[in-house]
Amino acid sequence: MEPNEQPQQEQTQPVPQNNPDNQKPYDIEPNIEAALSYFLTPFSGIAVFILEKENKFVRFHAFQSILFGVVAFGAWSIASALTAVLIGLILIPIVQIATLILWFFLMYKAYKNEEYHLPLLGDIAKQQVNK
């Protein structure tokens, strides 16, 4: 190497990405992913809906999970507000039990690869996914 010559910088090759833009950072079966979207509804539904870009089955269950979580929270809030007139004391356990049963049912249907539509909410979720 000559005194005036600058040392050449080492050229590096870009590291190939194992995760192209069209793939998810995880590898989960669609039925498991759909069932997990209900796990911490509506938060898990939001996460799955954002991460899943292609599978309409999973996106449907994720969006239905979001809607279900919002409606369940609304029903619980109304029942709680009605405790002032005592009917809420009866409604709160009914709402909680019904929500729990429906929550398990929706996770089970998603796990079994079934696209179960809740009345009204299922139609809204389907429309959102098909946009």
N, C-alpha and C. Protein backbone atom coordinates (compact mmCIF):
# COMPACT_ATOMS: atom_id res chain seq x y z
N MET A 1 0.85 -1.16 0.00
CA MET A 1 0.00 0.00 0.00
C MET A 1 0.90 1.23 0.00
N GLU A 2 0.59 2.16 -0.85
CA GLU A 2 1.35 3.40 -1.00
C GLU A 2 1.01 4.34 0.16
N PRO A 3 1.89 5.25 0.52
CA PRO A 3 1.60 6.16 1.62
C PRO A 3 0.41 7.08 1.34
N ASN A 4 0.18 7.46 0.09
CA ASN A 4 -0.94 8.35 -0.24
C ASN A 4 -2.25 7.59 -0.42
N GLU A 5 -2.18 6.31 -0.49
CA GLU A 5 -3.37 5.50 -0.79
C GLU A 5 -4.19 5.27 0.48
N GLN A 6 -5.46 5.50 0.36
CA GLN A 6 -6.38 5.30 1.48
C GLN A 6 -6.72 3.81 1.58
N PRO A 7 -6.85 3.30 2.77
CA PRO A 7 -7.27 1.89 2.88
C PRO A 7 -8.71 1.76 2.41
N GLN A 8 -8.95 0.71 1.68
CA GLN A 8 -10.31 0.49 1.18
C GLN A 8 -11.18 -0.02 2.33
N GLN A 9 -12.38 0.51 2.32
CA GLN A 9 -13.32 0.03 3.33
C GLN A 9 -13.82 -1.34 2.92
N GLU A 10 -14.00 -2.14 3.89
CA GLU A 10 -14.50 -3.49 3.62
C GLU A 10 -15.94 -3.40 3.12
N GLN A 11 -16.20 -4.03 2.02
CA GLN A 11 -17.56 -4.00 1.47
C GLN A 11 -18.34 -5.15 2.07
N THR A 12 -19.52 -4.80 2.51
CA THR A 12 -20.37 -5.84 3.10
C THR A 12 -21.58 -6.06 2.22
N GLN A 13 -21.99 -7.28 2.17
CA GLN A 13 -23.19 -7.64 1.44
C GLN A 13 -24.37 -7.52 2.39
N PRO A 14 -25.51 -7.04 1.88
CA PRO A 14 -26.68 -7.01 2.76
C PRO A 14 -27.07 -8.42 3.17
N VAL A 15 -27.43 -8.55 4.41
CA VAL A 15 -27.85 -9.86 4.92
C VAL A 15 -29.24 -10.16 4.38
N PRO A 16 -29.42 -11.32 3.76
CA PRO A 16 -30.75 -11.64 3.25
C PRO A 16 -31.76 -11.72 4.39
N GLN A 17 -32.90 -11.17 4.15
CA GLN A 17 -33.96 -11.18 5.16
C GLN A 17 -34.70 -12.50 5.10
N ASN A 18 -34.89 -13.10 6.25
CA ASN A 18 -35.69 -14.31 6.32
C ASN A 18 -37.17 -13.99 6.31
N ASN A 19 -37.50 -12.73 6.46
CA ASN A 19 -38.89 -12.32 6.55
C ASN A 19 -39.20 -11.25 5.51
N PRO A 20 -39.54 -11.65 4.29
CA PRO A 20 -39.92 -10.65 3.29
C PRO A 20 -41.17 -9.89 3.75
N ASP A 21 -41.44 -8.78 3.11
CA ASP A 21 -42.55 -7.92 3.52
C ASP A 21 -43.89 -8.63 3.50
N ASN A 22 -44.04 -9.63 2.66
CA ASN A 22 -45.35 -10.29 2.55
C ASN A 22 -45.53 -11.43 3.54
N GLN A 23 -44.60 -11.64 4.44
CA GLN A 23 -44.74 -12.71 5.42
C GLN A 23 -44.84 -12.14 6.82
N LYS A 24 -45.48 -12.91 7.69
CA LYS A 24 -45.64 -12.51 9.08
C LYS A 24 -44.37 -12.85 9.85
N PRO A 25 -44.14 -12.17 10.96
CA PRO A 25 -42.96 -12.48 11.77
C PRO A 25 -43.13 -13.75 12.61
N TYR A 26 -44.24 -14.45 12.44
CA TYR A 26 -44.52 -15.66 13.20
C TYR A 26 -45.20 -16.66 12.27
N ASP A 27 -45.18 -17.90 12.66
CA ASP A 27 -45.78 -18.95 11.84
C ASP A 27 -46.78 -19.72 12.70
N ILE A 28 -48.05 -19.33 12.59
CA ILE A 28 -49.11 -19.95 13.37
C ILE A 28 -50.19 -20.43 12.40
N GLU A 29 -50.77 -21.56 12.70
CA GLU A 29 -51.87 -22.06 11.89
C GLU A 29 -53.03 -21.07 11.94
N PRO A 30 -53.75 -20.88 10.83
CA PRO A 30 -54.83 -19.89 10.81
C PRO A 30 -55.90 -20.11 11.87
N ASN A 31 -56.25 -21.37 12.15
CA ASN A 31 -57.29 -21.60 13.16
C ASN A 31 -56.82 -21.19 14.56
N ILE A 32 -55.55 -21.42 14.86
CA ILE A 32 -54.99 -21.01 16.15
C ILE A 32 -54.95 -19.49 16.23
N GLU A 33 -54.50 -18.87 15.16
CA GLU A 33 -54.42 -17.40 15.12
C GLU A 33 -55.80 -16.77 15.28
N ALA A 34 -56.80 -17.36 14.62
CA ALA A 34 -58.17 -16.84 14.73
C ALA A 34 -58.69 -17.00 16.16
N ALA A 35 -58.44 -18.15 16.77
CA ALA A 35 -58.89 -18.38 18.15
C ALA A 35 -58.18 -17.43 19.12
N LEU A 36 -56.89 -17.20 18.89
CA LEU A 36 -56.14 -16.29 19.77
C LEU A 36 -56.63 -14.85 19.66
N SER A 37 -57.26 -14.52 18.54
CA SER A 37 -57.75 -13.14 18.39
C SER A 37 -58.85 -12.84 19.42
N TYR A 38 -59.49 -13.88 19.95
CA TYR A 38 -60.52 -13.69 20.98
C TYR A 38 -59.94 -13.71 22.39
N PHE A 39 -58.69 -14.14 22.54
CA PHE A 39 -58.13 -14.40 23.87
C PHE A 39 -58.22 -13.20 24.81
N LEU A 40 -57.78 -12.06 24.39
CA LEU A 40 -57.86 -10.84 25.21
C LEU A 40 -58.69 -9.79 24.47
N THR A 41 -59.85 -10.21 24.05
CA THR A 41 -60.70 -9.34 23.25
C THR A 41 -60.94 -8.02 23.95
N PRO A 42 -60.92 -6.92 23.31
CA PRO A 42 -60.69 -6.63 21.90
C PRO A 42 -59.23 -6.40 21.55
N PHE A 43 -58.33 -6.40 22.56
CA PHE A 43 -56.93 -6.05 22.31
C PHE A 43 -56.20 -7.06 21.43
N SER A 44 -56.42 -8.35 21.69
CA SER A 44 -55.78 -9.36 20.86
C SER A 44 -56.35 -9.32 19.44
N GLY A 45 -57.64 -9.00 19.32
CA GLY A 45 -58.25 -8.85 18.00
C GLY A 45 -57.62 -7.72 17.21
N ILE A 46 -57.35 -6.61 17.88
CA ILE A 46 -56.70 -5.48 17.22
C ILE A 46 -55.30 -5.88 16.74
N ALA A 47 -54.54 -6.55 17.60
CA ALA A 47 -53.19 -6.96 17.23
C ALA A 47 -53.20 -7.92 16.04
N VAL A 48 -54.08 -8.91 16.08
CA VAL A 48 -54.15 -9.88 14.98
C VAL A 48 -54.62 -9.19 13.70
N PHE A 49 -55.59 -8.30 13.80
CA PHE A 49 -56.11 -7.61 12.62
C PHE A 49 -55.02 -6.76 11.97
N ILE A 50 -54.17 -6.14 12.77
CA ILE A 50 -53.08 -5.32 12.23
C ILE A 50 -51.99 -6.20 11.61
N LEU A 51 -51.64 -7.29 12.28
CA LEU A 51 -50.55 -8.14 11.81
C LEU A 51 -50.92 -9.02 10.62
N GLU A 52 -52.15 -9.49 10.59
CA GLU A 52 -52.59 -10.39 9.51
C GLU A 52 -53.10 -9.57 8.35
N LYS A 53 -52.43 -9.68 7.21
CA LYS A 53 -52.78 -8.86 6.05
C LYS A 53 -53.54 -9.64 4.98
N GLU A 54 -53.42 -10.96 4.95
CA GLU A 54 -53.94 -11.72 3.81
C GLU A 54 -55.08 -12.67 4.13
N ASN A 55 -54.99 -13.41 5.20
CA ASN A 55 -55.96 -14.47 5.48
C ASN A 55 -57.29 -13.87 5.94
N LYS A 56 -58.30 -13.97 5.08
CA LYS A 56 -59.60 -13.37 5.38
C LYS A 56 -60.31 -14.07 6.53
N PHE A 57 -60.09 -15.35 6.70
CA PHE A 57 -60.68 -16.09 7.82
C PHE A 57 -60.18 -15.52 9.15
N VAL A 58 -58.88 -15.34 9.25
CA VAL A 58 -58.28 -14.81 10.48
C VAL A 58 -58.70 -13.36 10.68
N ARG A 59 -58.69 -12.58 9.63
CA ARG A 59 -59.07 -11.16 9.74
C ARG A 59 -60.54 -11.02 10.16
N PHE A 60 -61.40 -11.91 9.64
CA PHE A 60 -62.82 -11.89 10.04
C PHE A 60 -62.94 -12.10 11.55
N HIS A 61 -62.29 -13.15 12.06
CA HIS A 61 -62.39 -13.44 13.49
C HIS A 61 -61.76 -12.33 14.32
N ALA A 62 -60.68 -11.75 13.84
CA ALA A 62 -60.04 -10.65 14.57
C ALA A 62 -60.98 -9.45 14.67
N PHE A 63 -61.63 -9.10 13.55
CA PHE A 63 -62.52 -7.94 13.58
C PHE A 63 -63.77 -8.24 14.39
N GLN A 64 -64.29 -9.46 14.28
CA GLN A 64 -65.46 -9.82 15.08
C GLN A 64 -65.09 -9.80 16.57
N SER A 65 -63.87 -10.18 16.90
CA SER A 65 -63.39 -10.12 18.28
C SER A 65 -63.37 -8.69 18.79
N ILE A 66 -62.94 -7.77 17.96
CA ILE A 66 -62.92 -6.35 18.34
C ILE A 66 -64.35 -5.88 18.64
N LEU A 67 -65.26 -6.18 17.72
CA LEU A 67 -66.66 -5.77 17.90
C LEU A 67 -67.28 -6.42 19.13
N PHE A 68 -67.01 -7.71 19.31
CA PHE A 68 -67.54 -8.44 20.47
C PHE A 68 -67.03 -7.82 21.77
N GLY A 69 -65.76 -7.49 21.82
CA GLY A 69 -65.19 -6.88 23.02
C GLY A 69 -65.82 -5.53 23.34
N VAL A 70 -66.06 -4.73 22.31
CA VAL A 70 -66.67 -3.42 22.52
C VAL A 70 -68.11 -3.58 23.01
N VAL A 71 -68.87 -4.49 22.38
CA VAL A 71 -70.27 -4.70 22.79
C VAL A 71 -70.33 -5.29 24.21
N ALA A 72 -69.46 -6.23 24.52
CA ALA A 72 -69.44 -6.82 25.86
C ALA A 72 -69.12 -5.76 26.91
N PHE A 73 -68.16 -4.91 26.61
CA PHE A 73 -67.83 -3.83 27.54
C PHE A 73 -69.01 -2.87 27.71
N GLY A 74 -69.69 -2.57 26.61
CA GLY A 74 -70.87 -1.70 26.68
C GLY A 74 -71.98 -2.31 27.51
N ALA A 75 -72.23 -3.61 27.31
CA ALA A 75 -73.28 -4.29 28.08
C ALA A 75 -72.93 -4.31 29.56
N TRP A 76 -71.67 -4.57 29.87
CA TRP A 76 -71.24 -4.57 31.27
C TRP A 76 -71.37 -3.18 31.87
N SER A 77 -71.02 -2.15 31.10
CA SER A 77 -71.12 -0.76 31.60
C SER A 77 -72.57 -0.38 31.89
N ILE A 78 -73.47 -0.77 31.00
CA ILE A 78 -74.89 -0.46 31.21
C ILE A 78 -75.41 -1.20 32.44
N ALA A 79 -75.06 -2.48 32.56
CA ALA A 79 -75.50 -3.25 33.73
C ALA A 79 -74.94 -2.64 35.01
N SER A 80 -73.71 -2.19 34.97
CA SER A 80 -73.11 -1.56 36.16
C SER A 80 -73.81 -0.26 36.51
N ALA A 81 -74.16 0.52 35.50
CA ALA A 81 -74.86 1.78 35.74
C ALA A 81 -76.23 1.54 36.35
N LEU A 82 -76.83 0.41 36.01
CA LEU A 82 -78.16 0.10 36.52
C LEU A 82 -78.16 -0.46 37.95
N THR A 83 -76.99 -0.61 38.55
CA THR A 83 -76.96 -1.09 39.94
C THR A 83 -77.63 -0.10 40.88
N ALA A 84 -77.71 1.16 40.46
CA ALA A 84 -78.37 2.17 41.29
C ALA A 84 -79.85 1.86 41.47
N VAL A 85 -80.44 1.18 40.48
CA VAL A 85 -81.86 0.83 40.59
C VAL A 85 -82.05 -0.66 40.87
N LEU A 86 -81.01 -1.30 41.37
CA LEU A 86 -81.01 -2.69 41.81
C LEU A 86 -81.12 -3.73 40.69
N ILE A 87 -81.68 -3.38 39.54
CA ILE A 87 -81.76 -4.38 38.48
C ILE A 87 -80.37 -4.74 37.95
N GLY A 88 -79.44 -3.81 38.10
CA GLY A 88 -78.07 -4.07 37.69
C GLY A 88 -77.43 -5.20 38.47
N LEU A 89 -77.83 -5.35 39.72
CA LEU A 89 -77.29 -6.44 40.53
C LEU A 89 -77.66 -7.80 39.96
N ILE A 90 -78.78 -7.87 39.29
CA ILE A 90 -79.20 -9.10 38.63
C ILE A 90 -78.55 -9.20 37.25
N LEU A 91 -78.45 -8.06 36.56
CA LEU A 91 -77.93 -8.06 35.20
C LEU A 91 -76.43 -8.33 35.11
N ILE A 92 -75.67 -7.82 36.05
CA ILE A 92 -74.20 -7.97 35.98
C ILE A 92 -73.78 -9.44 35.90
N PRO A 93 -74.26 -10.32 36.80
CA PRO A 93 -73.84 -11.73 36.67
C PRO A 93 -74.34 -12.37 35.38
N ILE A 94 -75.53 -11.99 34.94
CA ILE A 94 -76.07 -12.55 33.68
C ILE A 94 -75.19 -12.13 32.51
N VAL A 95 -74.84 -10.86 32.46
CA VAL A 95 -73.98 -10.35 31.38
C VAL A 95 -72.61 -11.02 31.44
N GLN A 96 -72.05 -11.16 32.62
CA GLN A 96 -70.73 -11.78 32.75
C GLN A 96 -70.74 -13.25 32.33
N ILE A 97 -71.74 -13.98 32.75
CA ILE A 97 -71.82 -15.40 32.38
C ILE A 97 -72.07 -15.56 30.89
N ALA A 98 -72.99 -14.77 30.35
CA ALA A 98 -73.28 -14.84 28.91
C ALA A 98 -72.05 -14.47 28.09
N THR A 99 -71.33 -13.45 28.52
CA THR A 99 -70.11 -13.04 27.81
C THR A 99 -69.06 -14.14 27.86
N LEU A 100 -68.87 -14.75 29.01
CA LEU A 100 -67.89 -15.81 29.15
C LEU A 100 -68.23 -17.01 28.27
N ILE A 101 -69.50 -17.42 28.27
CA ILE A 101 -69.93 -18.55 27.44
C ILE A 101 -69.74 -18.23 25.97
N LEU A 102 -70.17 -17.05 25.56
CA LEU A 102 -70.03 -16.65 24.15
C LEU A 102 -68.56 -16.53 23.76
N TRP A 103 -67.73 -16.04 24.66
CA TRP A 103 -66.30 -15.91 24.42
C TRP A 103 -65.67 -17.28 24.15
N PHE A 104 -65.95 -18.26 25.01
CA PHE A 104 -65.44 -19.62 24.79
C PHE A 104 -65.98 -20.22 23.50
N PHE A 105 -67.26 -20.00 23.23
CA PHE A 105 -67.89 -20.52 22.02
C PHE A 105 -67.21 -19.96 20.77
N LEU A 106 -66.94 -18.66 20.74
CA LEU A 106 -66.30 -18.04 19.58
C LEU A 106 -64.88 -18.56 19.39
N MET A 107 -64.14 -18.73 20.48
CA MET A 107 -62.79 -19.28 20.36
C MET A 107 -62.84 -20.72 19.84
N TYR A 108 -63.79 -21.49 20.32
CA TYR A 108 -63.94 -22.88 19.88
C TYR A 108 -64.27 -22.94 18.39
N LYS A 109 -65.22 -22.12 17.93
CA LYS A 109 -65.60 -22.11 16.52
C LYS A 109 -64.42 -21.70 15.64
N ALA A 110 -63.66 -20.71 16.07
CA ALA A 110 -62.49 -20.29 15.30
C ALA A 110 -61.46 -21.41 15.25
N TYR A 111 -61.24 -22.08 16.37
CA TYR A 111 -60.28 -23.18 16.42
C TYR A 111 -60.70 -24.33 15.50
N LYS A 112 -62.00 -24.54 15.36
CA LYS A 112 -62.51 -25.61 14.50
C LYS A 112 -62.64 -25.16 13.03
N ASN A 113 -62.02 -24.04 12.68
CA ASN A 113 -62.04 -23.50 11.31
C ASN A 113 -63.43 -23.14 10.83
N GLU A 114 -64.30 -22.74 11.73
CA GLU A 114 -65.65 -22.33 11.35
C GLU A 114 -65.76 -20.82 11.43
N GLU A 115 -66.37 -20.24 10.43
CA GLU A 115 -66.57 -18.80 10.40
C GLU A 115 -67.96 -18.49 10.95
N TYR A 116 -68.10 -18.57 12.25
CA TYR A 116 -69.39 -18.32 12.89
C TYR A 116 -69.64 -16.82 12.93
N HIS A 117 -70.82 -16.42 12.46
CA HIS A 117 -71.19 -15.00 12.43
C HIS A 117 -72.13 -14.69 13.59
N LEU A 118 -71.69 -13.80 14.47
CA LEU A 118 -72.61 -13.28 15.49
C LEU A 118 -73.65 -12.43 14.78
N PRO A 119 -74.89 -12.43 15.26
CA PRO A 119 -75.90 -11.56 14.63
C PRO A 119 -75.40 -10.11 14.60
N LEU A 120 -75.56 -9.49 13.49
CA LEU A 120 -75.15 -8.11 13.21
C LEU A 120 -73.64 -7.91 13.22
N LEU A 121 -72.96 -8.31 14.28
CA LEU A 121 -71.52 -8.12 14.37
C LEU A 121 -70.76 -8.92 13.32
N GLY A 122 -71.21 -10.13 13.07
CA GLY A 122 -70.56 -10.96 12.05
C GLY A 122 -70.68 -10.36 10.67
N ASP A 123 -71.83 -9.78 10.37
CA ASP A 123 -72.02 -9.14 9.06
C ASP A 123 -71.12 -7.91 8.91
N ILE A 124 -71.01 -7.13 9.97
CA ILE A 124 -70.14 -5.95 9.93
C ILE A 124 -68.68 -6.39 9.75
N ALA A 125 -68.27 -7.42 10.47
CA ALA A 125 -66.90 -7.93 10.36
C ALA A 125 -66.63 -8.43 8.95
N LYS A 126 -67.57 -9.15 8.38
CA LYS A 126 -67.40 -9.68 7.02
C LYS A 126 -67.25 -8.55 6.01
N GLN A 127 -68.08 -7.51 6.14
CA GLN A 127 -67.99 -6.36 5.24
C GLN A 127 -66.63 -5.68 5.37
N GLN A 128 -66.14 -5.54 6.58
CA GLN A 128 -64.85 -4.88 6.80
C GLN A 128 -63.72 -5.68 6.17
N VAL A 129 -63.77 -6.98 6.29
CA VAL A 129 -62.71 -7.84 5.75
C VAL A 129 -62.73 -7.84 4.23
N ASN A 130 -63.91 -7.75 3.64
CA ASN A 130 -64.04 -7.80 2.18
C ASN A 130 -63.80 -6.47 1.49
N LYS A 131 -63.46 -5.43 2.24
CA LYS A 131 -63.20 -4.12 1.62
C LYS A 131 -61.96 -4.17 0.77
